[in-house]
């Protein structure tokens, strides 16, 4: 038996500064089949709003916003599980 806990990120990421994503894990990855869904947002310096730059779900696949981030995320396709983001 296994469980799943959703945990929000611990902080906003700022270019050039470290940030941490919180994670709770009770089992090794190989013990529990898992899929991940992820959304990444970006706010340019001086802007007031965040813009979605990436969305991934196992059902819908990957969507990347047009612009400077297009083509940047290709390395994520290696696992198909996106847990290494």
PDB file of N, CA and C in Angstrom:
ATOM      1  N   UNK A   1       0.846  -1.171   0.000  1.00  0.00           N
ATOM      2  CA  UNK A   1       0.000   0.000   0.000  1.00  0.00           C
ATOM      3  C   UNK A   1       0.893   1.238   0.000  1.00  0.00           C
ATOM      4  N   UNK A   2       0.484   2.213  -0.752  1.00  0.00           N
ATOM      5  CA  UNK A   2       1.232   3.459  -0.812  1.00  0.00           C
ATOM      6  C   UNK A   2       0.288   4.631  -0.793  1.00  0.00           C
ATOM      7  N   UNK A   3       0.820   5.783  -0.627  1.00  0.00           N
ATOM      8  CA  UNK A   3       0.002   6.984  -0.609  1.00  0.00           C
ATOM      9  C   UNK A   3       0.649   8.081  -1.416  1.00  0.00           C
ATOM     10  N   UNK A   4      -0.095   9.153  -1.592  1.00  0.00           N
ATOM     11  CA  UNK A   4       0.409  10.278  -2.365  1.00  0.00           C
ATOM     12  C   UNK A   4       0.063  11.558  -1.625  1.00  0.00           C
ATOM     13  N   UNK A   5       1.005  12.466  -1.573  1.00  0.00           N
ATOM     14  CA  UNK A   5       0.791  13.751  -0.915  1.00  0.00           C
ATOM     15  C   UNK A   5       1.177  14.851  -1.884  1.00  0.00           C
ATOM     16  N   UNK A   6       0.301  15.826  -2.083  1.00  0.00           N
ATOM     17  CA  UNK A   6       0.636  16.977  -2.913  1.00  0.00           C
ATOM     18  C   UNK A   6       1.194  18.071  -2.012  1.00  0.00           C
ATOM     19  N   UNK A   7       2.334  18.604  -2.383  1.00  0.00           N
ATOM     20  CA  UNK A   7       2.992  19.632  -1.586  1.00  0.00           C
ATOM     21  C   UNK A   7       3.370  20.785  -2.500  1.00  0.00           C
ATOM     22  N   UNK A   8       3.011  21.986  -2.116  1.00  0.00           N
ATOM     23  CA  UNK A   8       3.357  23.174  -2.908  1.00  0.00           C
ATOM     24  C   UNK A   8       4.849  23.459  -2.801  1.00  0.00           C
ATOM     25  N   UNK A   9       5.380  24.171  -3.783  1.00  0.00           N
ATOM     26  CA  UNK A   9       6.793  24.536  -3.727  1.00  0.00           C
ATOM     27  C   UNK A   9       7.036  25.459  -2.543  1.00  0.00           C
ATOM     28  N   UNK A  10       8.253  25.424  -2.023  1.00  0.00           N
ATOM     29  CA  UNK A  10       8.579  26.192  -0.834  1.00  0.00           C
ATOM     30  C   UNK A  10       8.854  27.656  -1.101  1.00  0.00           C
ATOM     31  N   UNK A  11       9.107  28.024  -2.339  1.00  0.00           N
ATOM     32  CA  UNK A  11       9.464  29.402  -2.641  1.00  0.00           C
ATOM     33  C   UNK A  11       9.307  29.661  -4.135  1.00  0.00           C
ATOM     34  N   UNK A  12       9.363  30.897  -4.533  1.00  0.00           N
ATOM     35  CA  UNK A  12       9.408  31.235  -5.956  1.00  0.00           C
ATOM     36  C   UNK A  12      10.853  31.140  -6.421  1.00  0.00           C
ATOM     37  N   UNK A  13      11.040  30.715  -7.641  1.00  0.00           N
ATOM     38  CA  UNK A  13      12.386  30.672  -8.212  1.00  0.00           C
ATOM     39  C   UNK A  13      12.729  32.049  -8.760  1.00  0.00           C
ATOM     40  N   UNK A  14      13.934  32.492  -8.487  1.00  0.00           N
ATOM     41  CA  UNK A  14      14.424  33.772  -8.988  1.00  0.00           C
ATOM     42  C   UNK A  14      15.713  33.497  -9.749  1.00  0.00           C
ATOM     43  N   UNK A  15      15.796  33.990 -10.984  1.00  0.00           N
ATOM     44  CA  UNK A  15      16.966  33.765 -11.818  1.00  0.00           C
ATOM     45  C   UNK A  15      18.235  34.110 -11.053  1.00  0.00           C
ATOM     46  N   UNK A  16      19.167  33.170 -11.000  1.00  0.00           N
ATOM     47  CA  UNK A  16      20.434  33.388 -10.324  1.00  0.00           C
ATOM     48  C   UNK A  16      20.414  33.088  -8.842  1.00  0.00           C
ATOM     49  N   UNK A  17      19.262  32.704  -8.306  1.00  0.00           N
ATOM     50  CA  UNK A  17      19.144  32.391  -6.882  1.00  0.00           C
ATOM     51  C   UNK A  17      18.656  30.956  -6.712  1.00  0.00           C
ATOM     52  N   UNK A  18      19.089  30.272  -5.652  1.00  0.00           N
ATOM     53  CA  UNK A  18      18.608  28.901  -5.423  1.00  0.00           C
ATOM     54  C   UNK A  18      17.157  28.902  -4.950  1.00  0.00           C
ATOM     55  N   UNK A  19      16.463  27.792  -5.183  1.00  0.00           N
ATOM     56  CA  UNK A  19      15.122  27.625  -4.636  1.00  0.00           C
ATOM     57  C   UNK A  19      14.892  26.153  -4.366  1.00  0.00           C
ATOM     58  N   UNK A  20      13.900  25.845  -3.550  1.00  0.00           N
ATOM     59  CA  UNK A  20      13.664  24.478  -3.129  1.00  0.00           C
ATOM     60  C   UNK A  20      12.225  24.062  -3.409  1.00  0.00           C
ATOM     61  N   UNK A  21      12.067  22.861  -3.943  1.00  0.00           N
ATOM     62  CA  UNK A  21      10.752  22.251  -4.063  1.00  0.00           C
ATOM     63  C   UNK A  21      10.637  21.240  -2.935  1.00  0.00           C
ATOM     64  N   UNK A  22       9.586  21.348  -2.154  1.00  0.00           N
ATOM     65  CA  UNK A  22       9.393  20.407  -1.055  1.00  0.00           C
ATOM     66  C   UNK A  22       8.890  19.081  -1.603  1.00  0.00           C
ATOM     67  N   UNK A  23       9.308  17.995  -0.992  1.00  0.00           N
ATOM     68  CA  UNK A  23       8.903  16.675  -1.456  1.00  0.00           C
ATOM     69  C   UNK A  23       8.739  15.758  -0.258  1.00  0.00           C
ATOM     70  N   UNK A  24       7.671  14.982  -0.245  1.00  0.00           N
ATOM     71  CA  UNK A  24       7.461  13.976   0.787  1.00  0.00           C
ATOM     72  C   UNK A  24       7.489  12.623   0.097  1.00  0.00           C
ATOM     73  N   UNK A  25       8.348  11.731   0.556  1.00  0.00           N
ATOM     74  CA  UNK A  25       8.445  10.408  -0.063  1.00  0.00           C
ATOM     75  C   UNK A  25       8.514   9.341   1.019  1.00  0.00           C
ATOM     76  N   UNK A  26       7.703   8.317   0.898  1.00  0.00           N
ATOM     77  CA  UNK A  26       7.687   7.231   1.865  1.00  0.00           C
ATOM     78  C   UNK A  26       8.286   5.956   1.295  1.00  0.00           C
ATOM     79  N   UNK A  27       8.430   5.882  -0.003  1.00  0.00           N
ATOM     80  CA  UNK A  27       8.966   4.694  -0.663  1.00  0.00           C
ATOM     81  C   UNK A  27       9.951   5.110  -1.738  1.00  0.00           C
ATOM     82  N   UNK A  28      10.810   4.173  -2.107  1.00  0.00           N
ATOM     83  CA  UNK A  28      11.699   4.435  -3.241  1.00  0.00           C
ATOM     84  C   UNK A  28      10.867   4.507  -4.511  1.00  0.00           C
ATOM     85  N   UNK A  29      11.350   5.232  -5.475  1.00  0.00           N
ATOM     86  CA  UNK A  29      10.613   5.426  -6.721  1.00  0.00           C
ATOM     87  C   UNK A  29      10.264   4.095  -7.387  1.00  0.00           C
ATOM     88  N   UNK A  30      11.163   3.133  -7.328  1.00  0.00           N
ATOM     89  CA  UNK A  30      10.920   1.853  -7.998  1.00  0.00           C
ATOM     90  C   UNK A  30       9.829   1.030  -7.324  1.00  0.00           C
ATOM     91  N   UNK A  31       9.457   1.364  -6.091  1.00  0.00           N
ATOM     92  CA  UNK A  31       8.453   0.583  -5.359  1.00  0.00           C
ATOM     93  C   UNK A  31       7.018   0.988  -5.677  1.00  0.00           C
ATOM     94  N   UNK A  32       6.815   2.186  -6.164  1.00  0.00           N
ATOM     95  CA  UNK A  32       5.462   2.675  -6.409  1.00  0.00           C
ATOM     96  C   UNK A  32       5.379   3.282  -7.804  1.00  0.00           C
ATOM     97  N   UNK A  33       4.528   2.729  -8.670  1.00  0.00           N
ATOM     98  CA  UNK A  33       4.351   3.362  -9.986  1.00  0.00           C
ATOM     99  C   UNK A  33       3.831   4.790  -9.795  1.00  0.00           C
ATOM    100  N   UNK A  34       4.355   5.717 -10.572  1.00  0.00           N
ATOM    101  CA  UNK A  34       3.949   7.113 -10.382  1.00  0.00           C
ATOM    102  C   UNK A  34       3.922   7.851 -11.706  1.00  0.00           C
ATOM    103  N   UNK A  35       3.091   8.848 -11.754  1.00  0.00           N
ATOM    104  CA  UNK A  35       3.059   9.787 -12.862  1.00  0.00           C
ATOM    105  C   UNK A  35       3.015  11.180 -12.254  1.00  0.00           C
ATOM    106  N   UNK A  36       3.548  12.134 -12.954  1.00  0.00           N
ATOM    107  CA  UNK A  36       3.578  13.499 -12.439  1.00  0.00           C
ATOM    108  C   UNK A  36       2.908  14.450 -13.417  1.00  0.00           C
ATOM    109  N   UNK A  37       2.246  15.452 -12.867  1.00  0.00           N
ATOM    110  CA  UNK A  37       1.700  16.549 -13.662  1.00  0.00           C
ATOM    111  C   UNK A  37       2.386  17.811 -13.182  1.00  0.00           C
ATOM    112  N   UNK A  38       2.766  18.671 -14.108  1.00  0.00           N
ATOM    113  CA  UNK A  38       3.538  19.846 -13.723  1.00  0.00           C
ATOM    114  C   UNK A  38       3.151  21.059 -14.548  1.00  0.00           C
ATOM    115  N   UNK A  39       3.177  22.221 -13.902  1.00  0.00           N
ATOM    116  CA  UNK A  39       3.015  23.502 -14.587  1.00  0.00           C
ATOM    117  C   UNK A  39       4.111  24.427 -14.090  1.00  0.00           C
ATOM    118  N   UNK A  40       4.753  25.124 -15.017  1.00  0.00           N
ATOM    119  CA  UNK A  40       5.786  26.085 -14.682  1.00  0.00           C
ATOM    120  C   UNK A  40       5.330  27.454 -15.174  1.00  0.00           C
ATOM    121  N   UNK A  41       5.569  28.469 -14.350  1.00  0.00           N
ATOM    122  CA  UNK A  41       5.193  29.841 -14.680  1.00  0.00           C
ATOM    123  C   UNK A  41       6.429  30.728 -14.610  1.00  0.00           C
ATOM    124  N   UNK A  42       6.419  31.819 -15.374  1.00  0.00           N
ATOM    125  CA  UNK A  42       7.537  32.755 -15.425  1.00  0.00           C
ATOM    126  C   UNK A  42       7.004  34.173 -15.317  1.00  0.00           C
ATOM    127  N   UNK A  43       7.699  34.992 -14.529  1.00  0.00           N
ATOM    128  CA  UNK A  43       7.356  36.412 -14.435  1.00  0.00           C
ATOM    129  C   UNK A  43       8.622  37.212 -14.725  1.00  0.00           C
ATOM    130  N   UNK A  44       8.647  37.918 -15.844  1.00  0.00           N
ATOM    131  CA  UNK A  44       9.825  38.730 -16.155  1.00  0.00           C
ATOM    132  C   UNK A  44      10.048  39.795 -15.079  1.00  0.00           C
ATOM    133  N   UNK A  45      11.287  40.187 -14.902  1.00  0.00           N
ATOM    134  CA  UNK A  45      11.619  41.222 -13.928  1.00  0.00           C
ATOM    135  C   UNK A  45      10.823  42.485 -14.226  1.00  0.00           C
ATOM    136  N   UNK A  46      10.183  43.026 -13.211  1.00  0.00           N
ATOM    137  CA  UNK A  46       9.396  44.241 -13.351  1.00  0.00           C
ATOM    138  C   UNK A  46       7.954  44.010 -13.749  1.00  0.00           C
ATOM    139  N   UNK A  47       7.611  42.802 -14.159  1.00  0.00           N
ATOM    140  CA  UNK A  47       6.231  42.498 -14.560  1.00  0.00           C
ATOM    141  C   UNK A  47       5.392  42.156 -13.333  1.00  0.00           C
ATOM    142  N   UNK A  48       4.091  42.351 -13.431  1.00  0.00           N
ATOM    143  CA  UNK A  48       3.214  42.065 -12.295  1.00  0.00           C
ATOM    144  C   UNK A  48       2.537  40.704 -12.400  1.00  0.00           C
ATOM    145  N   UNK A  49       2.515  40.113 -13.587  1.00  0.00           N
ATOM    146  CA  UNK A  49       1.795  38.851 -13.773  1.00  0.00           C
ATOM    147  C   UNK A  49       2.729  37.719 -14.183  1.00  0.00           C
ATOM    148  N   UNK A  50       2.373  36.508 -13.734  1.00  0.00           N
ATOM    149  CA  UNK A  50       3.058  35.296 -14.159  1.00  0.00           C
ATOM    150  C   UNK A  50       2.425  34.794 -15.451  1.00  0.00           C
ATOM    151  N   UNK A  51       3.224  34.147 -16.305  1.00  0.00           N
ATOM    152  CA  UNK A  51       2.739  33.549 -17.547  1.00  0.00           C
ATOM    153  C   UNK A  51       3.128  32.077 -17.554  1.00  0.00           C
ATOM    154  N   UNK A  52       2.177  31.212 -17.900  1.00  0.00           N
ATOM    155  CA  UNK A  52       2.476  29.787 -17.960  1.00  0.00           C
ATOM    156  C   UNK A  52       3.419  29.525 -19.128  1.00  0.00           C
ATOM    157  N   UNK A  53       4.531  28.823 -18.837  1.00  0.00           N
ATOM    158  CA  UNK A  53       5.499  28.527 -19.885  1.00  0.00           C
ATOM    159  C   UNK A  53       5.572  27.037 -20.198  1.00  0.00           C
ATOM    160  N   UNK A  54       5.106  26.179 -19.292  1.00  0.00           N
ATOM    161  CA  UNK A  54       5.135  24.748 -19.549  1.00  0.00           C
ATOM    162  C   UNK A  54       4.011  24.066 -18.792  1.00  0.00           C
ATOM    163  N   UNK A  55       3.389  23.097 -19.432  1.00  0.00           N
ATOM    164  CA  UNK A  55       2.403  22.233 -18.777  1.00  0.00           C
ATOM    165  C   UNK A  55       2.663  20.819 -19.250  1.00  0.00           C
ATOM    166  N   UNK A  56       2.702  19.883 -18.325  1.00  0.00           N
ATOM    167  CA  UNK A  56       2.820  18.477 -18.692  1.00  0.00           C
ATOM    168  C   UNK A  56       1.846  17.659 -17.867  1.00  0.00           C
ATOM    169  N   UNK A  57       1.123  16.773 -18.526  1.00  0.00           N
ATOM    170  CA  UNK A  57       0.325  15.757 -17.840  1.00  0.00           C
ATOM    171  C   UNK A  57       0.416  14.485 -18.672  1.00  0.00           C
ATOM    172  N   UNK A  58       0.339  13.327 -18.030  1.00  0.00           N
ATOM    173  CA  UNK A  58       0.418  12.065 -18.777  1.00  0.00           C
ATOM    174  C   UNK A  58      -0.690  11.939 -19.825  1.00  0.00           C
ATOM    175  N   UNK A  59      -1.856  12.496 -19.544  1.00  0.00           N
ATOM    176  CA  UNK A  59      -2.978  12.396 -20.476  1.00  0.00           C
ATOM    177  C   UNK A  59      -2.822  13.320 -21.679  1.00  0.00           C
ATOM    178  N   UNK A  60      -2.310  14.526 -21.457  1.00  0.00           N
ATOM    179  CA  UNK A  60      -2.248  15.545 -22.508  1.00  0.00           C
ATOM    180  C   UNK A  60      -0.872  15.688 -23.138  1.00  0.00           C
ATOM    181  N   UNK A  61       0.156  15.173 -22.495  1.00  0.00           N
ATOM    182  CA  UNK A  61       1.515  15.347 -22.994  1.00  0.00           C
ATOM    183  C   UNK A  61       2.068  16.710 -22.608  1.00  0.00           C
ATOM    184  N   UNK A  62       3.015  17.196 -23.404  1.00  0.00           N
ATOM    185  CA  UNK A  62       3.729  18.437 -23.083  1.00  0.00           C
ATOM    186  C   UNK A  62       3.211  19.601 -23.913  1.00  0.00           C
ATOM    187  N   UNK A  63       3.030  20.745 -23.255  1.00  0.00           N
ATOM    188  CA  UNK A  63       2.710  21.991 -23.938  1.00  0.00           C
ATOM    189  C   UNK A  63       3.722  23.020 -23.464  1.00  0.00           C
ATOM    190  N   UNK A  64       4.355  23.710 -24.405  1.00  0.00           N
ATOM    191  CA  UNK A  64       5.311  24.768 -24.080  1.00  0.00           C
ATOM    192  C   UNK A  64       4.851  26.037 -24.771  1.00  0.00           C
ATOM    193  N   UNK A  65       4.846  27.140 -24.028  1.00  0.00           N
ATOM    194  CA  UNK A  65       4.416  28.423 -24.584  1.00  0.00           C
ATOM    195  C   UNK A  65       5.356  28.866 -25.703  1.00  0.00           C
ATOM    196  N   UNK A  66       4.814  29.485 -26.745  1.00  0.00           N
ATOM    197  CA  UNK A  66       5.670  30.056 -27.790  1.00  0.00           C
ATOM    198  C   UNK A  66       6.583  31.120 -27.175  1.00  0.00           C
ATOM    199  N   UNK A  67       7.765  31.260 -27.707  1.00  0.00           N
ATOM    200  CA  UNK A  67       8.682  32.276 -27.210  1.00  0.00           C
ATOM    201  C   UNK A  67      10.012  31.679 -26.796  1.00  0.00           C
ATOM    202  N   UNK A  68      10.721  32.336 -25.883  1.00  0.00           N
ATOM    203  CA  UNK A  68      12.095  31.941 -25.566  1.00  0.00           C
ATOM    204  C   UNK A  68      12.227  30.576 -24.902  1.00  0.00           C
ATOM    205  N   UNK A  69      11.150  30.017 -24.348  1.00  0.00           N
ATOM    206  CA  UNK A  69      11.249  28.729 -23.667  1.00  0.00           C
ATOM    207  C   UNK A  69      10.961  27.550 -24.588  1.00  0.00           C
ATOM    208  N   UNK A  70      10.481  27.806 -25.784  1.00  0.00           N
ATOM    209  CA  UNK A  70      10.178  26.754 -26.750  1.00  0.00           C
ATOM    210  C   UNK A  70      11.472  26.048 -27.150  1.00  0.00           C
ATOM    211  N   UNK A  71      11.507  24.735 -27.036  1.00  0.00           N
ATOM    212  CA  UNK A  71      12.707  23.976 -27.353  1.00  0.00           C
ATOM    213  C   UNK A  71      13.657  23.803 -26.190  1.00  0.00           C
ATOM    214  N   UNK A  72      13.467  24.550 -25.119  1.00  0.00           N
ATOM    215  CA  UNK A  72      14.347  24.508 -23.959  1.00  0.00           C
ATOM    216  C   UNK A  72      14.139  23.256 -23.118  1.00  0.00           C
ATOM    217  N   UNK A  73      12.938  22.688 -23.137  1.00  0.00           N
ATOM    218  CA  UNK A  73      12.561  21.610 -22.218  1.00  0.00           C
ATOM    219  C   UNK A  73      12.744  20.223 -22.801  1.00  0.00           C
ATOM    220  N   UNK A  74      13.331  20.060 -23.965  1.00  0.00           N
ATOM    221  CA  UNK A  74      13.431  18.768 -24.625  1.00  0.00           C
ATOM    222  C   UNK A  74      14.033  17.661 -23.786  1.00  0.00           C
ATOM    223  N   UNK A  75      14.944  17.976 -22.887  1.00  0.00           N
ATOM    224  CA  UNK A  75      15.599  16.958 -22.071  1.00  0.00           C
ATOM    225  C   UNK A  75      14.610  16.214 -21.173  1.00  0.00           C
ATOM    226  N   UNK A  76      13.475  16.813 -20.883  1.00  0.00           N
ATOM    227  CA  UNK A  76      12.513  16.177 -19.990  1.00  0.00           C
ATOM    228  C   UNK A  76      11.911  14.915 -20.586  1.00  0.00           C
ATOM    229  N   UNK A  77      11.925  14.766 -21.884  1.00  0.00           N
ATOM    230  CA  UNK A  77      11.304  13.621 -22.523  1.00  0.00           C
ATOM    231  C   UNK A  77      12.007  12.294 -22.285  1.00  0.00           C
ATOM    232  N   UNK A  78      13.161  12.278 -21.650  1.00  0.00           N
ATOM    233  CA  UNK A  78      13.881  11.030 -21.450  1.00  0.00           C
ATOM    234  C   UNK A  78      13.096  10.008 -20.641  1.00  0.00           C
ATOM    235  N   UNK A  79      12.384  10.400 -19.615  1.00  0.00           N
ATOM    236  CA  UNK A  79      11.716   9.433 -18.744  1.00  0.00           C
ATOM    237  C   UNK A  79      10.246   9.291 -19.047  1.00  0.00           C
ATOM    238  N   UNK A  80       9.599  10.324 -19.527  1.00  0.00           N
ATOM    239  CA  UNK A  80       8.161  10.271 -19.725  1.00  0.00           C
ATOM    240  C   UNK A  80       7.391  10.408 -18.434  1.00  0.00           C
ATOM    241  N   UNK A  81       8.093  10.445 -17.296  1.00  0.00           N
ATOM    242  CA  UNK A  81       7.409  10.546 -16.008  1.00  0.00           C
ATOM    243  C   UNK A  81       7.564  11.933 -15.394  1.00  0.00           C
ATOM    244  N   UNK A  82       8.509  12.695 -15.832  1.00  0.00           N
ATOM    245  CA  UNK A  82       8.690  14.103 -15.436  1.00  0.00           C
ATOM    246  C   UNK A  82       8.885  14.292 -13.935  1.00  0.00           C
ATOM    247  N   UNK A  83       9.283  13.255 -13.229  1.00  0.00           N
ATOM    248  CA  UNK A  83       9.541  13.408 -11.801  1.00  0.00           C
ATOM    249  C   UNK A  83      10.893  14.067 -11.546  1.00  0.00           C
ATOM    250  N   UNK A  84      11.721  14.152 -12.570  1.00  0.00           N
ATOM    251  CA  UNK A  84      13.046  14.742 -12.410  1.00  0.00           C
ATOM    252  C   UNK A  84      13.069  16.225 -12.724  1.00  0.00           C
ATOM    253  N   UNK A  85      11.921  16.843 -12.936  1.00  0.00           N
ATOM    254  CA  UNK A  85      11.880  18.265 -13.260  1.00  0.00           C
ATOM    255  C   UNK A  85      12.515  19.049 -12.161  1.00  0.00           C
TER     256      UNK A  85
END
